[in-house]
Protein backbone atom coordinates (compact mmCIF):
# COMPACT_ATOMS: atom_id res chain seq x y z
CA UNK A 1 0.00 0.00 0.00
CA UNK A 2 2.84 2.38 0.87
CA UNK A 3 4.43 1.94 -2.57
CA UNK A 4 1.13 1.97 -4.46
CA UNK A 5 -0.19 5.32 -3.21
CA UNK A 6 2.94 7.32 -4.22
CA UNK A 7 2.75 5.69 -7.65
CA UNK A 8 -0.86 6.77 -8.03
CA UNK A 9 -0.12 10.28 -6.79
CA UNK A 10 2.84 10.73 -9.13
CA UNK A 11 0.83 9.43 -12.07
CA UNK A 12 -2.03 11.83 -11.35
CA UNK A 13 0.38 14.75 -10.92
CA UNK A 14 2.11 13.95 -14.21
CA UNK A 15 -1.22 13.71 -16.05
CA UNK A 16 -2.37 16.98 -14.46
CA UNK A 17 0.84 18.69 -15.61
CA UNK A 18 0.35 17.33 -19.14
CA UNK A 19 -3.24 18.56 -19.15
CA UNK A 20 -2.16 22.02 -17.98
CA UNK A 21 0.53 22.25 -20.67
CA UNK A 22 -1.94 21.11 -23.31
CA UNK A 23 -4.46 23.74 -22.21
CA UNK A 24 -1.87 26.53 -22.23
CA UNK A 25 -0.55 25.46 -25.64
CA UNK A 26 -4.01 25.39 -27.16
CA UNK A 27 -4.96 28.76 -25.67
CA UNK A 28 -1.80 30.34 -27.07
CA UNK A 29 -2.41 28.72 -30.44
CA UNK A 30 -6.00 29.98 -30.48
CA UNK A 31 -4.91 33.50 -29.57
CA UNK A 32 -2.31 33.58 -32.34
CA UNK A 33 -4.73 32.23 -34.96
CA UNK A 34 -7.49 34.67 -33.96
CA UNK A 35 -5.02 37.58 -34.10
CA UNK A 36 -3.89 36.48 -37.55
CA UNK A 37 -7.49 36.23 -38.73
CA UNK A 38 -8.33 39.69 -37.34
CA UNK A 39 -5.35 41.30 -39.14
CA UNK A 40 -5.95 39.52 -42.46
CA UNK A 41 -7.46 42.22 -44.68
CA UNK A 42 -8.17 39.73 -47.44
CA UNK A 43 -11.02 38.21 -45.42
CA UNK A 44 -14.44 39.79 -45.10
CA UNK A 45 -16.08 40.27 -41.71
CA UNK A 46 -18.41 37.29 -42.34
CA UNK A 47 -15.45 35.08 -43.28
CA UNK A 48 -13.52 36.23 -40.21
CA UNK A 49 -16.43 35.32 -37.94
CA UNK A 50 -16.66 31.89 -39.56
CA UNK A 51 -12.92 31.31 -39.13
CA UNK A 52 -12.99 32.42 -35.47
CA UNK A 53 -15.88 30.09 -34.69
CA UNK A 54 -14.21 27.22 -36.55
CA UNK A 55 -10.95 27.87 -34.70
CA UNK A 56 -12.69 27.93 -31.33
CA UNK A 57 -14.50 24.63 -32.03
CA UNK A 58 -11.33 22.99 -33.35
CA UNK A 59 -9.34 24.05 -30.28
CA UNK A 60 -12.09 22.75 -27.97
CA UNK A 61 -12.22 19.43 -29.83
CA UNK A 62 -8.42 19.12 -29.68
CA UNK A 63 -8.53 19.79 -25.93
CA UNK A 64 -11.11 17.04 -25.37
CA UNK A 65 -9.18 14.54 -27.49
CA UNK A 66 -5.94 15.43 -25.74
CA UNK A 67 -7.47 15.04 -22.27
CA UNK A 68 -8.90 11.64 -23.22
CA UNK A 69 -5.49 10.51 -24.48
CA UNK A 70 -3.69 11.81 -21.39
CA UNK A 71 -6.13 10.35 -18.89
CA UNK A 72 -6.87 7.14 -20.85
CA UNK A 73 -5.42 4.73 -18.28
CA UNK A 74 -7.21 6.52 -15.42
CA UNK A 75 -10.51 6.46 -17.34
CA UNK A 76 -10.03 2.75 -18.03
CA UNK A 77 -9.61 2.03 -14.31
CA UNK A 78 -12.70 4.15 -13.57
CA UNK A 79 -14.72 2.28 -16.22
CA UNK A 80 -13.74 -1.08 -14.73
CA UNK A 81 -14.80 0.15 -11.29
CA UNK A 82 -18.12 1.41 -12.64
CA UNK A 83 -18.81 -1.91 -14.39
CA UNK A 84 -18.05 -3.82 -11.18
CA UNK A 85 -20.31 -1.47 -9.24
CA UNK A 86 -23.11 -1.85 -11.77
CA UNK A 87 -22.82 -5.67 -11.65
CA UNK A 88 -22.96 -5.60 -7.86
CA UNK A 89 -26.03 -3.35 -7.93
CA UNK A 90 -27.80 -5.64 -10.41
CA UNK A 91 -27.11 -8.70 -8.25
CA UNK A 92 -28.22 -6.88 -5.10
CA UNK A 93 -31.44 -5.58 -6.67
CA UNK A 94 -32.24 -8.57 -8.89
CA UNK A 95 -35.56 -9.34 -7.18
CA UNK A 96 -36.53 -5.67 -7.23
CA UNK A 97 -35.79 -5.41 -10.95
CA UNK A 98 -37.85 -8.57 -11.58
CA UNK A 99 -40.76 -7.02 -9.67
CA UNK A 100 -40.60 -3.91 -11.85
CA UNK A 101 -40.34 -6.05 -14.98
CA UNK A 102 -43.31 -8.14 -13.82
CA UNK A 103 -45.34 -4.97 -13.34
CA UNK A 104 -44.40 -3.88 -16.87
CA UNK A 105 -45.44 -7.32 -18.18
CA UNK A 106 -48.77 -7.08 -16.35
CA UNK A 107 -49.49 -3.62 -17.78
CA UNK A 108 -48.16 -4.25 -21.28
CA UNK A 109 -49.80 -7.66 -21.67
CA UNK A 110 -53.01 -6.70 -19.83
CA UNK A 111 -52.55 -9.88 -17.80
CA UNK A 112 -55.01 -9.01 -15.04
CA UNK A 113 -56.60 -6.05 -13.32
CA UNK A 114 -58.49 -5.23 -10.13
CA UNK A 115 -61.50 -7.53 -9.71
CA UNK A 116 -60.08 -10.46 -11.72
CA UNK A 117 -59.97 -13.91 -10.12
CA UNK A 118 -56.53 -15.48 -10.63
CA UNK A 119 -54.30 -18.38 -9.54
CA UNK A 120 -50.50 -18.25 -9.39
CA UNK A 121 -47.90 -20.27 -7.44
CA UNK A 122 -50.54 -21.73 -5.11
CA UNK A 123 -52.15 -18.35 -4.45
CA UNK A 124 -55.79 -17.96 -5.48
CA UNK A 125 -58.13 -15.03 -5.07
CA UNK A 126 -59.60 -11.81 -6.37
CA UNK A 127 -57.19 -8.99 -7.21
CA UNK A 128 -57.66 -6.15 -4.71
CA UNK A 129 -54.69 -3.97 -5.58
CA UNK A 130 -51.41 -3.98 -7.51
CA UNK A 131 -48.41 -1.70 -7.88
CA UNK A 132 -44.87 -1.89 -9.28
CA UNK A 133 -43.76 -4.24 -6.49
CA UNK A 134 -46.56 -6.67 -5.60
CA UNK A 135 -50.17 -7.77 -6.10
CA UNK A 136 -52.72 -8.11 -3.31
CA UNK A 137 -55.40 -10.84 -3.42
CA UNK A 138 -58.51 -11.51 -1.35
CA UNK A 139 -58.07 -15.27 -0.89
CA UNK A 140 -60.64 -17.75 -2.22
CA UNK A 141 -60.90 -21.28 -0.85
CA UNK A 142 -60.56 -23.60 0.80
CA UNK A 143 -58.59 -25.47 -1.85
CA UNK A 144 -58.85 -25.12 -5.60
CA UNK A 145 -62.47 -26.30 -5.94
CA UNK A 146 -64.21 -23.96 -3.48
CA UNK A 147 -65.30 -20.40 -4.28
CA UNK A 148 -65.71 -18.90 -0.82
CA UNK A 149 -63.79 -15.92 0.51
CA UNK A 150 -61.58 -16.99 3.41
CA UNK A 151 -61.17 -13.45 4.72
CA UNK A 152 -57.40 -13.58 4.37
CA UNK A 153 -55.33 -11.30 2.14
CA UNK A 154 -52.45 -12.71 0.09
CA UNK A 155 -49.62 -10.55 -1.26
CA UNK A 156 -47.20 -11.94 -3.85
CA UNK A 157 -44.29 -10.17 -5.63
CA UNK A 158 -44.70 -9.39 -9.33
CA UNK A 159 -41.53 -11.38 -10.03
CA UNK A 160 -43.66 -14.56 -9.83
CA UNK A 161 -45.10 -13.67 -13.25
CA UNK A 162 -41.77 -14.71 -14.83
CA UNK A 163 -41.43 -18.05 -13.04
CA UNK A 164 -45.00 -19.36 -12.68
CA UNK A 165 -48.02 -20.00 -14.83
CA UNK A 166 -50.91 -17.63 -14.12
CA UNK A 167 -54.48 -18.84 -14.47
CA UNK A 168 -57.22 -16.26 -14.92
CA UNK A 169 -60.43 -17.83 -13.65
CA UNK A 170 -62.76 -14.95 -14.46
CA UNK A 171 -63.65 -15.21 -18.17
CA UNK A 172 -63.61 -11.49 -18.89
CA UNK A 173 -67.30 -11.46 -19.77
CA UNK A 174 -70.58 -11.88 -17.91
CA UNK A 175 -71.06 -15.61 -18.60
CA UNK A 176 -68.58 -18.47 -18.73
CA UNK A 177 -68.21 -22.28 -18.73
CA UNK A 178 -67.14 -24.04 -15.53
CA UNK A 179 -66.26 -27.59 -14.44
CA UNK A 180 -67.71 -29.54 -11.52
CA UNK A 181 -66.28 -33.01 -10.73
CA UNK A 182 -68.22 -35.78 -8.97
CA UNK A 183 -66.14 -38.78 -7.73
CA UNK A 184 -67.76 -42.23 -7.74
CA UNK A 185 -66.66 -45.75 -6.85
CA UNK A 186 -66.50 -48.27 -9.68
CA UNK A 187 -69.35 -50.31 -8.12
CA UNK A 188 -71.68 -47.29 -8.10
CA UNK A 189 -74.33 -46.89 -10.80
CA UNK A 190 -72.47 -44.26 -12.78
CA UNK A 191 -75.09 -44.17 -15.53
CA UNK A 192 -77.82 -43.18 -13.10
CA UNK A 193 -75.47 -40.68 -11.47
CA UNK A 194 -74.66 -39.21 -14.88
CA UNK A 195 -78.38 -38.83 -15.69
CA UNK A 196 -79.18 -37.21 -12.33
CA UNK A 197 -76.21 -34.84 -12.61
CA UNK A 198 -77.18 -33.76 -16.12
CA UNK A 199 -80.83 -33.28 -15.10
CA UNK A 200 -79.77 -31.17 -12.12
CA UNK A 201 -77.51 -29.04 -14.33
CA UNK A 202 -80.22 -28.51 -16.95
CA UNK A 203 -82.72 -27.49 -14.28
CA UNK A 204 -80.40 -24.91 -12.74
CA UNK A 205 -78.81 -23.57 -15.94
CA UNK A 206 -81.91 -23.28 -18.17
CA UNK A 207 -82.66 -19.67 -17.08
CA UNK A 208 -79.18 -18.62 -18.27
CA UNK A 209 -78.94 -20.61 -21.51
CA UNK A 210 -80.14 -17.91 -23.90
CA UNK A 211 -77.74 -15.30 -22.56
CA UNK A 212 -74.90 -17.86 -22.37
CA UNK A 213 -75.41 -18.73 -26.06
CA UNK A 214 -75.25 -15.04 -26.95
CA UNK A 215 -72.03 -14.62 -24.98
CA UNK A 216 -70.42 -17.62 -26.66
CA UNK A 217 -71.33 -16.24 -30.09
CA UNK A 218 -69.78 -12.91 -29.13
CA UNK A 219 -66.64 -14.72 -27.96
CA UNK A 220 -66.53 -16.59 -31.28
CA UNK A 221 -66.71 -13.36 -33.31
CA UNK A 222 -64.18 -11.50 -31.16
CA UNK A 223 -61.49 -14.20 -31.08
CA UNK A 224 -62.18 -15.83 -34.49
CA UNK A 225 -62.59 -19.30 -33.02
CA UNK A 226 -65.37 -21.85 -32.84
CA UNK A 227 -66.89 -21.40 -29.39
CA UNK A 228 -68.23 -24.52 -27.62
CA UNK A 229 -71.92 -25.04 -26.98
CA UNK A 230 -72.84 -23.79 -23.50
CA UNK A 231 -75.31 -26.62 -22.89
CA UNK A 232 -74.45 -28.73 -19.80
CA UNK A 233 -72.36 -31.78 -20.69
CA UNK A 234 -70.98 -34.69 -18.65
CA UNK A 235 -67.75 -36.53 -19.49
CA UNK A 236 -66.34 -39.62 -17.76
CA UNK A 237 -62.78 -39.68 -16.45
CA UNK A 238 -60.86 -42.68 -15.12
CA UNK A 239 -58.11 -40.87 -13.27
CA UNK A 240 -57.28 -43.69 -10.84
CA UNK A 241 -58.13 -47.41 -10.44
CA UNK A 242 -61.43 -48.14 -8.72
CA UNK A 243 -62.70 -44.59 -9.09
CA UNK A 244 -64.87 -42.87 -11.68
CA UNK A 245 -65.06 -39.09 -12.05
CA UNK A 246 -68.05 -37.41 -13.68
CA UNK A 247 -66.92 -34.01 -15.01
CA UNK A 248 -69.81 -31.65 -15.55
CA UNK A 249 -69.30 -28.58 -17.71
CA UNK A 250 -72.03 -26.03 -17.15
CA UNK A 251 -72.70 -22.36 -18.02
CA UNK A 252 -73.17 -19.75 -15.31
CA UNK A 253 -72.85 -16.04 -14.70
CA UNK A 254 -69.36 -15.15 -13.55
CA UNK A 255 -70.65 -13.74 -10.27
CA UNK A 256 -73.14 -16.58 -9.68
CA UNK A 257 -70.89 -19.55 -10.26
CA UNK A 258 -70.66 -20.72 -6.64
CA UNK A 259 -74.40 -20.45 -6.02
CA UNK A 260 -75.31 -22.42 -9.15
CA UNK A 261 -72.66 -25.04 -8.43
CA UNK A 262 -74.07 -25.60 -4.94
CA UNK A 263 -77.63 -25.79 -6.29
CA UNK A 264 -76.58 -28.46 -8.81
CA UNK A 265 -74.85 -30.48 -6.09
CA UNK A 266 -77.89 -30.31 -3.81
CA UNK A 267 -80.23 -31.43 -6.60
CA UNK A 268 -77.87 -34.27 -7.49
CA UNK A 269 -77.51 -35.49 -3.91
CA UNK A 270 -81.27 -35.24 -3.32
CA UNK A 271 -81.63 -37.60 -6.27
């Protein structure tokens, strides 16, 4: 350290002396050229002004180039230090930068907004608020199949948008199609259960069918795709041995999904 500091000091002093000499030399040169231009009777006043301005700009440019050349090694050391500092800042604020980027993704891609019902990284709920750092949800549960508010508030950082799949449950329009699963044992009469489930769905969804059909047609025109029929439909799934799942797809208003689902279940269980 004792030998390094004097070396740095002497190097800075030498560069400072070179810079001073360069400045003095250029100022003297400029003064001589301007004096020569002023005494040159062959030049008009307009030409003299142009030459003075050109001389001033040339001297200034030469000074900048000379200073860069003189202080090149010092500037190189400063640049290396700045790059190291920038890398350290990026590593230290990585999560913060991801949160800001996630907020930009949410705004630019119109991913979700206040009032939407979403799922991400195990969090599920209605969006209450969002900013450049995080999103606040009013939790829905319990589990993934229920639609009741738990009263708890979940806050997740926007950086999760880059590492997790986001599911938007709310369809973005007044009516949507939803799934209700009924598990049965393989010895149960699944055909009778299928009939009762479909009858219950038709009874509860009939008042909404006309509007649901209109919404599906609107979705078809907007997105240029063939929209499915909103009529209730039951499919059979064999997800595990000894168990049969009846998956009911039914139409419902976005804000009345839970009520209609419960009504269908009660009709089905009442048989």
